[in-house]
Amino acid sequence: MDKRKWSNKEIEEFRKRNGKFAYYNKEDAYLFVPKALGFGWTLNWANPRSWLFIFLILE
C-alpha cells in the first residue's frame, strides 16, 4: 500500500480508534501531524524520517 498524506479528519478518526498517546501510522506519509490535545505538532513515529530527525537533534 502506498503512503499518502492523511487529512486532519482522518488523523482524528485514527486517534479515536488507536489512542491519543503517540501517533504511529504506517499509512500516513506526514512527518509532523497536529497534536491530539492542545496546539502544536507531534511526530508520526511510523515514519522513518522521524527517527532521523530525533537522532540529528540529539547528536
C-alpha atoms as a PDB file:
ATOM      1  CA  MET A   1       0.000   0.000   0.000  1.00  0.00           C
ATOM      2  CA  ASP A   2       1.361   3.410  -0.973  1.00  0.00           C
ATOM      3  CA  LYS A   3       1.712   6.067   1.660  1.00  0.00           C
ATOM      4  CA  ARG A   4      -0.396   9.172   1.282  1.00  0.00           C
ATOM      5  CA  LYS A   5      -0.900  12.295   3.333  1.00  0.00           C
ATOM      6  CA  TRP A   6      -3.956  11.986   5.531  1.00  0.00           C
ATOM      7  CA  SER A   7      -6.416  14.791   6.192  1.00  0.00           C
ATOM      8  CA  ASN A   8      -6.846  16.185   9.709  1.00  0.00           C
ATOM      9  CA  LYS A   9     -10.260  14.486   9.901  1.00  0.00           C
ATOM     10  CA  GLU A  10      -8.712  11.094   9.061  1.00  0.00           C
ATOM     11  CA  ILE A  11      -5.993  11.650  11.672  1.00  0.00           C
ATOM     12  CA  GLU A  12      -8.636  12.425  14.325  1.00  0.00           C
ATOM     13  CA  GLU A  13     -10.569   9.250  13.457  1.00  0.00           C
ATOM     14  CA  PHE A  14      -7.353   7.193  13.576  1.00  0.00           C
ATOM     15  CA  ARG A  15      -6.599   8.565  17.051  1.00  0.00           C
ATOM     16  CA  LYS A  16     -10.114   7.736  18.287  1.00  0.00           C
ATOM     17  CA  ARG A  17      -9.599   4.110  17.252  1.00  0.00           C
ATOM     18  CA  ASN A  18      -5.950   3.723  18.316  1.00  0.00           C
ATOM     19  CA  GLY A  19      -5.394   6.029  21.254  1.00  0.00           C
ATOM     20  CA  LYS A  20      -4.001   9.524  21.614  1.00  0.00           C
ATOM     21  CA  PHE A  21      -0.701   8.960  23.402  1.00  0.00           C
ATOM     22  CA  ALA A  22       1.601   8.510  20.400  1.00  0.00           C
ATOM     23  CA  TYR A  23       0.834   8.797  16.702  1.00  0.00           C
ATOM     24  CA  TYR A  24       2.131   5.698  14.870  1.00  0.00           C
ATOM     25  CA  ASN A  25       0.510   5.339  11.462  1.00  0.00           C
ATOM     26  CA  LYS A  26       2.428   3.481   8.722  1.00  0.00           C
ATOM     27  CA  GLU A  27      -0.080   4.512   6.057  1.00  0.00           C
ATOM     28  CA  ASP A  28       0.355   8.264   6.671  1.00  0.00           C
ATOM     29  CA  ALA A  29       3.227   9.957   4.802  1.00  0.00           C
ATOM     30  CA  TYR A  30       3.308  13.046   7.044  1.00  0.00           C
ATOM     31  CA  LEU A  31       6.314  13.517   9.314  1.00  0.00           C
ATOM     32  CA  PHE A  32       4.571  16.063  11.558  1.00  0.00           C
ATOM     33  CA  VAL A  33       0.887  15.829  12.488  1.00  0.00           C
ATOM     34  CA  PRO A  34      -1.288  18.088  14.677  1.00  0.00           C
ATOM     35  CA  LYS A  35      -1.255  17.192  18.374  1.00  0.00           C
ATOM     36  CA  ALA A  36      -4.272  15.391  19.762  1.00  0.00           C
ATOM     37  CA  LEU A  37      -4.566  17.793  22.692  1.00  0.00           C
ATOM     38  CA  GLY A  38      -3.630  21.452  22.636  1.00  0.00           C
ATOM     39  CA  PHE A  39      -1.744  23.355  19.967  1.00  0.00           C
ATOM     40  CA  GLY A  40       1.328  22.354  18.023  1.00  0.00           C
ATOM     41  CA  TRP A  41       2.681  19.364  16.175  1.00  0.00           C
ATOM     42  CA  THR A  42       3.962  15.916  17.018  1.00  0.00           C
ATOM     43  CA  LEU A  43       5.875  13.258  15.086  1.00  0.00           C
ATOM     44  CA  ASN A  44       4.453  10.302  13.207  1.00  0.00           C
ATOM     45  CA  TRP A  45       6.667   7.643  14.806  1.00  0.00           C
ATOM     46  CA  ALA A  46       5.988   5.156  11.999  1.00  0.00           C
ATOM     47  CA  ASN A  47       7.757   7.454   9.536  1.00  0.00           C
ATOM     48  CA  PRO A  48      11.497   6.577   9.374  1.00  0.00           C
ATOM     49  CA  ARG A  49      12.329  10.265   8.907  1.00  0.00           C
ATOM     50  CA  SER A  50      11.056  10.959  12.438  1.00  0.00           C
ATOM     51  CA  TRP A  51      13.792   8.752  13.898  1.00  0.00           C
ATOM     52  CA  LEU A  52      16.385  10.514  11.749  1.00  0.00           C
ATOM     53  CA  PHE A  53      15.020  13.881  12.904  1.00  0.00           C
ATOM     54  CA  ILE A  54      15.347  12.901  16.589  1.00  0.00           C
ATOM     55  CA  PHE A  55      18.825  11.446  16.019  1.00  0.00           C
ATOM     56  CA  LEU A  56      20.019  14.688  14.398  1.00  0.00           C
ATOM     57  CA  ILE A  57      18.602  16.807  17.240  1.00  0.00           C
ATOM     58  CA  LEU A  58      20.203  14.672  19.940  1.00  0.00           C
ATOM     59  CA  GLU A  59      23.566  14.453  18.250  1.00  0.00           C
END
